[in-house]
Amino acid sequence: MTEEEFPQDVRVRLGRIAREWAQSHGDPFPGSIRMVRTTRAQASGFLNPGVTSEDVVCYFVVVEGSFVIPRSPRNSPQTGTWVALFIDPAYMVVDGHSLRPAEGIPARPLETLGTVCLL
């Protein structure tokens, strides 16, 4: 699938979802937003080699910024500069994420999962 093959309405919606997630987690102006259509199994293996998941299609959207996920008052918030969002293509909702600090970003290029589209 080439970047031009991703329908415009899908790209717009995924971009909006990613920006809303970023804003609600501390960064109203995230940097790069990229997506690839892949499977949860491939995306999970990308994040954690050797880990498997369901072999169902998803949009894997990577956002760079400065994010904070609050936790209970006794635990410090989770922070990171890179987040991967799993978005269900049927419902267009985030149904999983992986927030990473700079040193936890996967070394493999996102393109190993398929055609990458900038949002």
Protein backbone atom coordinates (compact mmCIF):
# COMPACT_ATOMS: atom_id res chain seq x y z
CA MET A 1 0.00 0.00 0.00
CA THR A 2 1.46 3.37 -0.93
CA GLU A 3 0.89 6.57 1.01
CA GLU A 4 -1.49 7.78 -1.71
CA GLU A 5 -3.61 4.64 -1.20
CA PHE A 6 -4.56 5.65 2.34
CA PRO A 7 -7.92 7.41 1.96
CA GLN A 8 -7.85 11.10 2.86
CA ASP A 9 -10.71 10.75 5.35
CA VAL A 10 -8.81 7.98 7.18
CA ARG A 11 -5.64 10.08 7.35
CA VAL A 12 -7.58 13.10 8.65
CA ARG A 13 -9.37 11.04 11.28
CA LEU A 14 -6.21 9.26 12.45
CA GLY A 15 -4.40 12.59 12.69
CA ARG A 16 -7.24 14.02 14.77
CA ILE A 17 -7.26 10.98 17.07
CA ALA A 18 -3.49 11.20 17.57
CA ARG A 19 -3.53 14.96 18.26
CA GLU A 20 -6.43 14.59 20.73
CA TRP A 21 -4.55 11.80 22.54
CA ALA A 22 -1.42 13.95 22.69
CA GLN A 23 -3.33 16.99 23.96
CA SER A 24 -5.12 15.00 26.66
CA HIS A 25 -1.74 13.63 27.78
CA GLY A 26 0.12 16.91 28.13
CA ASP A 27 1.28 17.93 24.65
CA PRO A 28 -1.07 20.20 22.68
CA PHE A 29 1.44 20.48 19.82
CA PRO A 30 3.02 17.07 19.20
CA GLY A 31 5.87 16.72 16.72
CA SER A 32 5.88 13.99 14.14
CA ILE A 33 2.78 11.81 13.66
CA ARG A 34 3.25 8.74 11.46
CA MET A 35 1.07 5.71 10.81
CA VAL A 36 1.27 2.32 9.21
CA ARG A 37 -1.45 -0.25 8.60
CA THR A 38 -0.24 -3.55 10.02
CA THR A 39 -1.37 -6.25 12.44
CA ARG A 40 -1.35 -6.15 16.23
CA ALA A 41 0.99 -9.15 16.14
CA GLN A 42 3.56 -7.37 13.95
CA ALA A 43 3.26 -4.11 15.92
CA SER A 44 3.65 -5.91 19.25
CA GLY A 45 6.75 -7.66 17.94
CA PHE A 46 8.09 -4.31 16.74
CA LEU A 47 7.71 -2.86 20.23
CA ASN A 48 8.91 -5.94 22.09
CA PRO A 49 10.73 -8.53 19.96
CA GLY A 50 9.41 -11.99 20.67
CA VAL A 51 6.06 -10.76 22.00
CA THR A 52 2.99 -11.82 20.07
CA SER A 53 -0.59 -10.63 19.95
CA GLU A 54 -3.70 -11.15 17.88
CA ASP A 55 -3.13 -11.27 14.14
CA VAL A 56 -5.77 -8.62 13.44
CA VAL A 57 -5.34 -5.48 11.34
CA CYS A 58 -4.77 -2.18 13.12
CA TYR A 59 -3.49 1.30 12.47
CA PHE A 60 -0.22 1.70 14.35
CA VAL A 61 0.24 5.43 14.92
CA VAL A 62 3.49 6.80 16.34
CA VAL A 63 3.48 10.26 17.91
CA GLU A 64 6.50 12.19 19.16
CA GLY A 65 6.13 14.82 21.85
CA SER A 66 6.23 15.21 25.62
CA PHE A 67 3.55 13.08 27.27
CA VAL A 68 2.38 12.43 30.83
CA ILE A 69 -0.02 9.72 31.97
CA PRO A 70 -1.21 10.34 35.56
CA ARG A 71 -1.30 7.44 37.98
CA SER A 72 -2.58 7.06 41.50
CA PRO A 73 -1.39 9.66 44.04
CA ARG A 74 1.13 7.16 45.47
CA ASN A 75 2.78 6.52 42.09
CA SER A 76 4.65 8.97 39.88
CA PRO A 77 3.16 9.68 36.50
CA GLN A 78 4.39 7.80 33.46
CA THR A 79 6.23 10.12 31.08
CA GLY A 80 7.70 9.72 27.63
CA THR A 81 8.57 11.36 24.34
CA TRP A 82 7.31 8.63 22.00
CA VAL A 83 3.99 6.83 22.00
CA ALA A 84 2.60 4.12 19.78
CA LEU A 85 -1.19 4.04 19.54
CA PHE A 86 -3.06 0.94 18.42
CA ILE A 87 -6.18 2.09 16.60
CA ASP A 88 -8.95 -0.30 15.64
CA PRO A 89 -9.83 0.38 11.97
CA ALA A 90 -13.45 -0.72 12.38
CA TYR A 91 -14.25 1.67 15.24
CA MET A 92 -11.41 4.22 14.85
CA VAL A 93 -10.65 4.26 18.57
CA VAL A 94 -7.39 3.85 20.47
CA ASP A 95 -7.53 0.42 22.06
CA GLY A 96 -3.96 0.27 23.33
CA HIS A 97 -0.78 2.29 23.59
CA SER A 98 2.89 2.07 24.52
CA LEU A 99 4.52 5.20 25.96
CA ARG A 100 8.32 5.23 25.89
CA PRO A 101 11.11 7.51 27.09
CA ALA A 102 13.74 8.43 24.49
CA GLU A 103 15.97 5.51 25.47
CA GLY A 104 13.09 3.05 25.06
CA ILE A 105 12.20 3.87 21.45
CA PRO A 106 12.52 0.82 19.19
CA ALA A 107 15.69 0.86 17.08
CA ARG A 108 14.01 -0.66 14.03
CA PRO A 109 12.59 1.78 11.49
CA LEU A 110 8.80 2.00 11.39
CA GLU A 111 9.00 1.19 7.65
CA THR A 112 9.74 -2.45 8.53
CA LEU A 113 6.02 -2.77 9.27
CA GLY A 114 4.84 -1.41 5.93
CA THR A 115 4.26 1.85 4.10
CA VAL A 116 4.48 4.79 6.48
CA CYS A 117 2.17 7.75 6.03
CA LEU A 118 2.80 11.14 7.66
CA LEU A 119 -0.29 12.59 9.32
